């Protein structure tokens, strides 16, 4: 399993319908739970094997004379995985500080001998995108990209949701529109290298088949505090088995993480 695919799964590409459950459009918190300079580092493991690392970097940048957030999502193989199949993937997004809507995204991937680079810009006035590789495409209103979708989820006010509520987000990736549903599963205490943390738990709705056996084979936990950091991702993948992606270090977060005694 390629590291880039694992990290893309974190941001949920393999998502489809949420059956007949009612879809909720929750409000977002007024206070943004992330700031420029935030760095989140993750370790990707297959069982006992460390296969790669992923980093989320957030800074400020100027885009069309406007100050926006610039996010970088970087996935790299390490150790044996690097020797067998070197991967160095970078996804970038420039998105609005208030609405989280992206203005531009870059996908720059290198996987063994395969490389691919693309830039996509968003026209919010006519709900379209322009891809350097495939040209202009019409898209739904308020569509997000992979990175801005993750930061949007961190802004959701989960106190307004009931357990098993379904949330829907449209994303644009690899010149396609991807519908993203996840189910809010309430709160759960997670043991981490930093300490015990009360977390919000979500189950993205994934496609059963080639990658996953069950529709709830992917779970993500966020710290249930004013940072709402994704702290742990667990997947049960066909062929590979259990995959864990866990936070191993962080810098420049808004508030101290709340640990339980």
C-alpha atoms as a PDB file:
ATOM      1  CA  UNK A   1       0.000   0.000   0.000  1.00  0.00           C
ATOM      2  CA  UNK A   2       1.478   3.325  -1.031  1.00  0.00           C
ATOM      3  CA  UNK A   3       1.991   5.982   1.612  1.00  0.00           C
ATOM      4  CA  UNK A   4       0.242   8.598  -0.509  1.00  0.00           C
ATOM      5  CA  UNK A   5      -2.856   6.392  -0.696  1.00  0.00           C
ATOM      6  CA  UNK A   6      -2.868   5.949   3.063  1.00  0.00           C
ATOM      7  CA  UNK A   7      -2.734   9.663   3.666  1.00  0.00           C
ATOM      8  CA  UNK A   8      -5.321  10.368   1.039  1.00  0.00           C
ATOM      9  CA  UNK A   9      -7.550   7.855   2.839  1.00  0.00           C
ATOM     10  CA  UNK A  10      -7.134   9.990   5.965  1.00  0.00           C
ATOM     11  CA  UNK A  11      -8.815  12.779   4.044  1.00  0.00           C
ATOM     12  CA  UNK A  12     -11.307  10.339   2.638  1.00  0.00           C
ATOM     13  CA  UNK A  13     -11.243   9.700  -1.059  1.00  0.00           C
ATOM     14  CA  UNK A  14     -13.008   6.351  -0.948  1.00  0.00           C
ATOM     15  CA  UNK A  15     -16.313   7.763   0.288  1.00  0.00           C
ATOM     16  CA  UNK A  16     -19.746   7.244  -1.132  1.00  0.00           C
ATOM     17  CA  UNK A  17     -23.380   7.226  -0.011  1.00  0.00           C
ATOM     18  CA  UNK A  18     -24.522   7.378   3.587  1.00  0.00           C
ATOM     19  CA  UNK A  19     -27.624   5.252   2.910  1.00  0.00           C
ATOM     20  CA  UNK A  20     -30.905   6.881   3.856  1.00  0.00           C
ATOM     21  CA  UNK A  21     -29.759   8.675   6.979  1.00  0.00           C
ATOM     22  CA  UNK A  22     -30.511  12.368   7.251  1.00  0.00           C
ATOM     23  CA  UNK A  23     -27.568  14.574   6.330  1.00  0.00           C
ATOM     24  CA  UNK A  24     -26.713  17.397   8.744  1.00  0.00           C
ATOM     25  CA  UNK A  25     -25.035  20.693   7.840  1.00  0.00           C
ATOM     26  CA  UNK A  26     -23.591  21.664  11.234  1.00  0.00           C
ATOM     27  CA  UNK A  27     -22.515  25.182  12.209  1.00  0.00           C
ATOM     28  CA  UNK A  28     -18.832  25.998  12.647  1.00  0.00           C
ATOM     29  CA  UNK A  29     -17.248  27.540  15.700  1.00  0.00           C
ATOM     30  CA  UNK A  30     -16.552  31.264  15.643  1.00  0.00           C
ATOM     31  CA  UNK A  31     -13.061  30.739  17.033  1.00  0.00           C
ATOM     32  CA  UNK A  32     -10.671  29.076  14.597  1.00  0.00           C
ATOM     33  CA  UNK A  33      -8.904  26.115  16.302  1.00  0.00           C
ATOM     34  CA  UNK A  34      -5.672  26.495  14.317  1.00  0.00           C
ATOM     35  CA  UNK A  35      -3.179  29.261  13.602  1.00  0.00           C
ATOM     36  CA  UNK A  36      -0.373  30.037  11.206  1.00  0.00           C
ATOM     37  CA  UNK A  37       2.745  28.113  12.193  1.00  0.00           C
ATOM     38  CA  UNK A  38       0.945  24.966  13.336  1.00  0.00           C
ATOM     39  CA  UNK A  39       2.874  21.754  12.551  1.00  0.00           C
ATOM     40  CA  UNK A  40       1.450  18.258  13.077  1.00  0.00           C
ATOM     41  CA  UNK A  41       3.652  15.194  12.560  1.00  0.00           C
ATOM     42  CA  UNK A  42       2.280  11.666  12.133  1.00  0.00           C
ATOM     43  CA  UNK A  43       3.700   8.164  12.002  1.00  0.00           C
ATOM     44  CA  UNK A  44       2.196   5.563   9.647  1.00  0.00           C
ATOM     45  CA  UNK A  45       2.427   1.941  10.815  1.00  0.00           C
ATOM     46  CA  UNK A  46       1.404  -1.446   9.391  1.00  0.00           C
ATOM     47  CA  UNK A  47       1.281  -3.554  12.525  1.00  0.00           C
ATOM     48  CA  UNK A  48       4.788  -3.328  13.996  1.00  0.00           C
ATOM     49  CA  UNK A  49       6.332  -1.847  10.842  1.00  0.00           C
ATOM     50  CA  UNK A  50       6.846   1.909  10.507  1.00  0.00           C
ATOM     51  CA  UNK A  51       6.203   2.603   6.830  1.00  0.00           C
ATOM     52  CA  UNK A  52       6.130   6.366   6.591  1.00  0.00           C
ATOM     53  CA  UNK A  53       5.525   9.789   8.057  1.00  0.00           C
ATOM     54  CA  UNK A  54       3.065  12.544   7.256  1.00  0.00           C
ATOM     55  CA  UNK A  55       3.199  16.241   8.105  1.00  0.00           C
ATOM     56  CA  UNK A  56       0.564  18.958   8.153  1.00  0.00           C
ATOM     57  CA  UNK A  57       2.006  22.464   7.905  1.00  0.00           C
ATOM     58  CA  UNK A  58      -0.082  25.626   8.103  1.00  0.00           C
ATOM     59  CA  UNK A  59       1.146  29.138   7.340  1.00  0.00           C
ATOM     60  CA  UNK A  60      -0.233  32.438   6.044  1.00  0.00           C
ATOM     61  CA  UNK A  61       0.307  33.604   2.476  1.00  0.00           C
ATOM     62  CA  UNK A  62      -0.833  36.298   0.066  1.00  0.00           C
ATOM     63  CA  UNK A  63      -3.169  35.227  -2.725  1.00  0.00           C
ATOM     64  CA  UNK A  64      -4.618  37.854  -5.071  1.00  0.00           C
ATOM     65  CA  UNK A  65      -3.827  40.584  -2.535  1.00  0.00           C
ATOM     66  CA  UNK A  66      -5.600  38.699   0.241  1.00  0.00           C
ATOM     67  CA  UNK A  67      -4.117  37.028   3.329  1.00  0.00           C
ATOM     68  CA  UNK A  68      -5.096  33.344   3.304  1.00  0.00           C
ATOM     69  CA  UNK A  69      -4.074  30.099   4.939  1.00  0.00           C
ATOM     70  CA  UNK A  70      -1.544  27.979   3.052  1.00  0.00           C
ATOM     71  CA  UNK A  71      -1.553  24.301   4.038  1.00  0.00           C
ATOM     72  CA  UNK A  72       0.940  21.638   3.020  1.00  0.00           C
ATOM     73  CA  UNK A  73       0.274  17.935   3.480  1.00  0.00           C
ATOM     74  CA  UNK A  74       3.441  15.888   3.005  1.00  0.00           C
ATOM     75  CA  UNK A  75       3.651  12.072   2.931  1.00  0.00           C
ATOM     76  CA  UNK A  76       6.943  10.179   2.763  1.00  0.00           C
ATOM     77  CA  UNK A  77       8.062   6.581   3.049  1.00  0.00           C
ATOM     78  CA  UNK A  78      10.713   5.634   5.612  1.00  0.00           C
ATOM     79  CA  UNK A  79      12.941   2.648   6.354  1.00  0.00           C
ATOM     80  CA  UNK A  80      12.298  -0.505   4.330  1.00  0.00           C
ATOM     81  CA  UNK A  81       9.329   1.072   2.553  1.00  0.00           C
ATOM     82  CA  UNK A  82      11.575   3.885   1.291  1.00  0.00           C
ATOM     83  CA  UNK A  83      14.077   1.388  -0.135  1.00  0.00           C
ATOM     84  CA  UNK A  84      11.401  -0.723  -1.783  1.00  0.00           C
ATOM     85  CA  UNK A  85       9.212   2.069  -3.101  1.00  0.00           C
ATOM     86  CA  UNK A  86      10.186   5.655  -2.478  1.00  0.00           C
ATOM     87  CA  UNK A  87       7.254   8.026  -2.054  1.00  0.00           C
ATOM     88  CA  UNK A  88       7.338  11.788  -1.605  1.00  0.00           C
ATOM     89  CA  UNK A  89       3.915  13.377  -2.062  1.00  0.00           C
ATOM     90  CA  UNK A  90       2.939  16.986  -1.422  1.00  0.00           C
ATOM     91  CA  UNK A  91      -0.574  18.437  -1.460  1.00  0.00           C
ATOM     92  CA  UNK A  92      -0.979  22.193  -1.056  1.00  0.00           C
ATOM     93  CA  UNK A  93      -4.012  24.395  -0.592  1.00  0.00           C
ATOM     94  CA  UNK A  94      -4.567  28.146  -0.342  1.00  0.00           C
ATOM     95  CA  UNK A  95      -7.903  28.691   1.406  1.00  0.00           C
ATOM     96  CA  UNK A  96      -9.934  31.521   2.919  1.00  0.00           C
ATOM     97  CA  UNK A  97      -9.335  32.201   6.614  1.00  0.00           C
ATOM     98  CA  UNK A  98     -13.037  32.674   7.378  1.00  0.00           C
ATOM     99  CA  UNK A  99     -14.940  30.402   4.991  1.00  0.00           C
ATOM    100  CA  UNK A 100     -12.244  27.704   4.544  1.00  0.00           C
ATOM    101  CA  UNK A 101     -13.051  27.705   0.808  1.00  0.00           C
ATOM    102  CA  UNK A 102      -9.945  27.055  -1.326  1.00  0.00           C
ATOM    103  CA  UNK A 103      -8.670  29.380  -4.016  1.00  0.00           C
ATOM    104  CA  UNK A 104      -5.911  27.135  -5.336  1.00  0.00           C
ATOM    105  CA  UNK A 105      -4.527  23.639  -4.839  1.00  0.00           C
ATOM    106  CA  UNK A 106      -1.386  21.823  -5.981  1.00  0.00           C
ATOM    107  CA  UNK A 107      -0.829  18.090  -6.179  1.00  0.00           C
ATOM    108  CA  UNK A 108       2.834  17.108  -6.573  1.00  0.00           C
ATOM    109  CA  UNK A 109       3.493  13.391  -6.194  1.00  0.00           C
ATOM    110  CA  UNK A 110       6.478  11.105  -6.713  1.00  0.00           C
ATOM    111  CA  UNK A 111       5.994   7.380  -6.226  1.00  0.00           C
ATOM    112  CA  UNK A 112       8.881   5.282  -7.462  1.00  0.00           C
ATOM    113  CA  UNK A 113       9.341   6.230 -11.116  1.00  0.00           C
ATOM    114  CA  UNK A 114       5.860   7.754 -11.365  1.00  0.00           C
ATOM    115  CA  UNK A 115       5.422  11.520 -11.036  1.00  0.00           C
ATOM    116  CA  UNK A 116       2.425  13.785 -11.442  1.00  0.00           C
ATOM    117  CA  UNK A 117       1.962  17.523 -10.972  1.00  0.00           C
ATOM    118  CA  UNK A 118      -1.197  19.581 -11.276  1.00  0.00           C
ATOM    119  CA  UNK A 119      -2.525  22.993 -10.245  1.00  0.00           C
ATOM    120  CA  UNK A 120      -6.209  23.763  -9.803  1.00  0.00           C
ATOM    121  CA  UNK A 121      -7.705  27.218  -9.269  1.00  0.00           C
ATOM    122  CA  UNK A 122     -11.254  27.935  -8.081  1.00  0.00           C
ATOM    123  CA  UNK A 123     -13.659  30.494  -9.488  1.00  0.00           C
ATOM    124  CA  UNK A 124     -16.227  31.112  -6.746  1.00  0.00           C
ATOM    125  CA  UNK A 125     -18.340  33.461  -8.867  1.00  0.00           C
ATOM    126  CA  UNK A 126     -19.406  30.793 -11.367  1.00  0.00           C
ATOM    127  CA  UNK A 127     -18.685  27.618  -9.334  1.00  0.00           C
ATOM    128  CA  UNK A 128     -15.985  26.231 -11.582  1.00  0.00           C
ATOM    129  CA  UNK A 129     -12.404  25.066 -11.341  1.00  0.00           C
ATOM    130  CA  UNK A 130      -9.585  25.275 -13.833  1.00  0.00           C
ATOM    131  CA  UNK A 131      -7.125  22.388 -13.942  1.00  0.00           C
ATOM    132  CA  UNK A 132      -3.795  22.686 -15.745  1.00  0.00           C
ATOM    133  CA  UNK A 133      -4.153  19.045 -16.784  1.00  0.00           C
ATOM    134  CA  UNK A 134      -7.794  18.854 -17.849  1.00  0.00           C
ATOM    135  CA  UNK A 135      -9.165  22.377 -18.226  1.00  0.00           C
ATOM    136  CA  UNK A 136     -12.372  23.868 -16.847  1.00  0.00           C
ATOM    137  CA  UNK A 137     -14.953  21.926 -14.811  1.00  0.00           C
ATOM    138  CA  UNK A 138     -18.225  22.955 -13.198  1.00  0.00           C
ATOM    139  CA  UNK A 139     -18.405  22.109  -9.494  1.00  0.00           C
ATOM    140  CA  UNK A 140     -20.990  22.371  -6.689  1.00  0.00           C
ATOM    141  CA  UNK A 141     -21.244  25.464  -4.540  1.00  0.00           C
ATOM    142  CA  UNK A 142     -18.838  25.648  -1.569  1.00  0.00           C
ATOM    143  CA  UNK A 143     -16.712  22.718  -2.743  1.00  0.00           C
ATOM    144  CA  UNK A 144     -13.500  22.079  -0.800  1.00  0.00           C
ATOM    145  CA  UNK A 145     -10.231  20.349  -1.578  1.00  0.00           C
ATOM    146  CA  UNK A 146      -8.579  17.664   0.554  1.00  0.00           C
ATOM    147  CA  UNK A 147      -6.611  19.935   2.861  1.00  0.00           C
ATOM    148  CA  UNK A 148      -9.245  22.626   3.338  1.00  0.00           C
ATOM    149  CA  UNK A 149     -11.814  19.884   4.083  1.00  0.00           C
ATOM    150  CA  UNK A 150      -9.720  18.634   6.981  1.00  0.00           C
ATOM    151  CA  UNK A 151      -9.402  22.129   8.448  1.00  0.00           C
ATOM    152  CA  UNK A 152     -13.123  22.670   7.907  1.00  0.00           C
ATOM    153  CA  UNK A 153     -13.937  19.544   9.922  1.00  0.00           C
ATOM    154  CA  UNK A 154     -11.785  20.920  12.729  1.00  0.00           C
ATOM    155  CA  UNK A 155     -14.047  23.984  12.843  1.00  0.00           C
ATOM    156  CA  UNK A 156     -17.351  22.076  13.136  1.00  0.00           C
ATOM    157  CA  UNK A 157     -19.263  22.630  16.362  1.00  0.00           C
ATOM    158  CA  UNK A 158     -19.844  18.998  17.336  1.00  0.00           C
ATOM    159  CA  UNK A 159     -21.807  20.074  20.406  1.00  0.00           C
ATOM    160  CA  UNK A 160     -24.669  20.780  17.988  1.00  0.00           C
ATOM    161  CA  UNK A 161     -24.685  17.192  16.673  1.00  0.00           C
ATOM    162  CA  UNK A 162     -26.309  14.031  17.968  1.00  0.00           C
ATOM    163  CA  UNK A 163     -24.542  10.683  17.921  1.00  0.00           C
ATOM    164  CA  UNK A 164     -24.951   8.964  14.509  1.00  0.00           C
ATOM    165  CA  UNK A 165     -25.668  12.251  12.710  1.00  0.00           C
ATOM    166  CA  UNK A 166     -24.255  12.236   9.175  1.00  0.00           C
ATOM    167  CA  UNK A 167     -22.260  15.186   7.803  1.00  0.00           C
ATOM    168  CA  UNK A 168     -21.675  15.725   4.065  1.00  0.00           C
ATOM    169  CA  UNK A 169     -18.902  17.635   2.308  1.00  0.00           C
ATOM    170  CA  UNK A 170     -18.054  17.910  -1.393  1.00  0.00           C
ATOM    171  CA  UNK A 171     -14.365  17.770  -2.294  1.00  0.00           C
ATOM    172  CA  UNK A 172     -12.432  18.181  -5.551  1.00  0.00           C
ATOM    173  CA  UNK A 173      -9.435  15.897  -6.112  1.00  0.00           C
ATOM    174  CA  UNK A 174      -7.594  14.489  -9.131  1.00  0.00           C
ATOM    175  CA  UNK A 175      -9.984  16.328 -11.453  1.00  0.00           C
ATOM    176  CA  UNK A 176     -13.042  14.657  -9.937  1.00  0.00           C
ATOM    177  CA  UNK A 177     -15.769  15.567  -7.455  1.00  0.00           C
ATOM    178  CA  UNK A 178     -15.734  13.346  -4.355  1.00  0.00           C
ATOM    179  CA  UNK A 179     -18.744  13.306  -2.013  1.00  0.00           C
ATOM    180  CA  UNK A 180     -17.605  12.870   1.580  1.00  0.00           C
ATOM    181  CA  UNK A 181     -19.920  11.571   4.315  1.00  0.00           C
ATOM    182  CA  UNK A 182     -18.925  10.885   7.888  1.00  0.00           C
ATOM    183  CA  UNK A 183     -20.889   9.716  10.910  1.00  0.00           C
ATOM    184  CA  UNK A 184     -20.424  11.387  14.280  1.00  0.00           C
ATOM    185  CA  UNK A 185     -19.879   8.608  16.855  1.00  0.00           C
ATOM    186  CA  UNK A 186     -19.708  10.634  20.049  1.00  0.00           C
ATOM    187  CA  UNK A 187     -16.824  10.930  22.499  1.00  0.00           C
ATOM    188  CA  UNK A 188     -14.130   8.434  23.511  1.00  0.00           C
ATOM    189  CA  UNK A 189     -11.021   8.548  25.700  1.00  0.00           C
ATOM    190  CA  UNK A 190      -7.844   7.658  23.781  1.00  0.00           C
ATOM    191  CA  UNK A 191      -4.449   6.718  25.277  1.00  0.00           C
ATOM    192  CA  UNK A 192      -1.594   8.468  23.473  1.00  0.00           C
ATOM    193  CA  UNK A 193       2.122   9.004  23.989  1.00  0.00           C
ATOM    194  CA  UNK A 194       1.209  12.399  25.430  1.00  0.00           C
ATOM    195  CA  UNK A 195      -1.398  11.103  27.885  1.00  0.00           C
ATOM    196  CA  UNK A 196      -5.095  10.202  28.001  1.00  0.00           C
ATOM    197  CA  UNK A 197      -7.234  12.536  25.892  1.00  0.00           C
ATOM    198  CA  UNK A 198     -10.977  12.935  25.543  1.00  0.00           C
ATOM    199  CA  UNK A 199     -11.701  12.790  21.805  1.00  0.00           C
ATOM    200  CA  UNK A 200     -14.443  13.250  19.242  1.00  0.00           C
ATOM    201  CA  UNK A 201     -14.843  10.104  17.127  1.00  0.00           C
ATOM    202  CA  UNK A 202     -16.012   9.987  13.508  1.00  0.00           C
ATOM    203  CA  UNK A 203     -16.477   7.166  10.996  1.00  0.00           C
ATOM    204  CA  UNK A 204     -16.097   8.257   7.379  1.00  0.00           C
ATOM    205  CA  UNK A 205     -18.413   6.196   5.169  1.00  0.00           C
ATOM    206  CA  UNK A 206     -16.126   4.173   2.908  1.00  0.00           C
ATOM    207  CA  UNK A 207     -16.738   1.956  -0.096  1.00  0.00           C
ATOM    208  CA  UNK A 208     -16.826  -1.746   0.715  1.00  0.00           C
ATOM    209  CA  UNK A 209     -14.817  -3.767  -1.764  1.00  0.00           C
ATOM    210  CA  UNK A 210     -11.289  -3.358  -3.040  1.00  0.00           C
ATOM    211  CA  UNK A 211      -9.836  -1.582   0.018  1.00  0.00           C
ATOM    212  CA  UNK A 212     -12.266  -1.984   2.920  1.00  0.00           C
ATOM    213  CA  UNK A 213     -14.315  -4.953   4.166  1.00  0.00           C
ATOM    214  CA  UNK A 214     -16.878  -2.898   6.094  1.00  0.00           C
ATOM    215  CA  UNK A 215     -18.262   0.614   5.714  1.00  0.00           C
ATOM    216  CA  UNK A 216     -16.928   1.566   9.180  1.00  0.00           C
ATOM    217  CA  UNK A 217     -13.383   0.237   8.708  1.00  0.00           C
ATOM    218  CA  UNK A 218     -12.000   3.756   9.015  1.00  0.00           C
ATOM    219  CA  UNK A 219     -12.123   5.782  12.245  1.00  0.00           C
ATOM    220  CA  UNK A 220     -10.640   9.180  13.088  1.00  0.00           C
ATOM    221  CA  UNK A 221     -10.296  10.711  16.565  1.00  0.00           C
ATOM    222  CA  UNK A 222      -9.931  14.470  17.156  1.00  0.00           C
ATOM    223  CA  UNK A 223      -8.964  16.069  20.457  1.00  0.00           C
ATOM    224  CA  UNK A 224     -12.140  17.309  22.127  1.00  0.00           C
ATOM    225  CA  UNK A 225     -10.732  20.714  23.050  1.00  0.00           C
ATOM    226  CA  UNK A 226     -10.127  24.120  21.481  1.00  0.00           C
ATOM    227  CA  UNK A 227      -7.541  22.669  19.080  1.00  0.00           C
ATOM    228  CA  UNK A 228      -9.538  19.776  17.609  1.00  0.00           C
ATOM    229  CA  UNK A 229      -6.404  18.074  16.311  1.00  0.00           C
ATOM    230  CA  UNK A 230      -6.703  14.763  14.429  1.00  0.00           C
ATOM    231  CA  UNK A 231      -4.747  12.579  16.831  1.00  0.00           C
ATOM    232  CA  UNK A 232      -5.341   9.005  15.657  1.00  0.00           C
ATOM    233  CA  UNK A 233      -6.568   7.240  12.505  1.00  0.00           C
ATOM    234  CA  UNK A 234      -7.249   3.517  12.410  1.00  0.00           C
ATOM    235  CA  UNK A 235      -7.999   1.494   9.286  1.00  0.00           C
ATOM    236  CA  UNK A 236      -8.663  -2.153   8.569  1.00  0.00           C
ATOM    237  CA  UNK A 237      -7.554  -2.664   4.984  1.00  0.00           C
ATOM    238  CA  UNK A 238      -7.861  -5.768   2.854  1.00  0.00           C
ATOM    239  CA  UNK A 239      -4.515  -7.536   2.255  1.00  0.00           C
ATOM    240  CA  UNK A 240      -2.534  -5.104   4.443  1.00  0.00           C
ATOM    241  CA  UNK A 241      -4.611  -5.491   7.608  1.00  0.00           C
ATOM    242  CA  UNK A 242      -4.562  -2.959  10.458  1.00  0.00           C
ATOM    243  CA  UNK A 243      -3.003   0.427   9.754  1.00  0.00           C
ATOM    244  CA  UNK A 244      -2.521   3.096  12.424  1.00  0.00           C
ATOM    245  CA  UNK A 245      -1.635   6.722  11.804  1.00  0.00           C
ATOM    246  CA  UNK A 246      -0.922   8.553  15.034  1.00  0.00           C
ATOM    247  CA  UNK A 247       0.216  12.006  16.050  1.00  0.00           C
ATOM    248  CA  UNK A 248       3.802  11.900  17.318  1.00  0.00           C
ATOM    249  CA  UNK A 249       4.607  15.604  17.734  1.00  0.00           C
ATOM    250  CA  UNK A 250       3.063  19.038  17.356  1.00  0.00           C
ATOM    251  CA  UNK A 251       4.142  22.690  17.361  1.00  0.00           C
ATOM    252  CA  UNK A 252       2.423  26.080  17.621  1.00  0.00           C
ATOM    253  CA  UNK A 253      -1.076  24.899  18.483  1.00  0.00           C
ATOM    254  CA  UNK A 254      -3.675  27.410  19.645  1.00  0.00           C
ATOM    255  CA  UNK A 255      -4.148  26.058  23.177  1.00  0.00           C
ATOM    256  CA  UNK A 256      -2.570  23.391  25.395  1.00  0.00           C
ATOM    257  CA  UNK A 257      -4.041  19.939  24.822  1.00  0.00           C
ATOM    258  CA  UNK A 258      -6.327  18.908  27.669  1.00  0.00           C
ATOM    259  CA  UNK A 259      -5.029  15.692  29.213  1.00  0.00           C
ATOM    260  CA  UNK A 260      -6.998  13.557  31.658  1.00  0.00           C
ATOM    261  CA  UNK A 261      -5.540  12.444  34.967  1.00  0.00           C
END
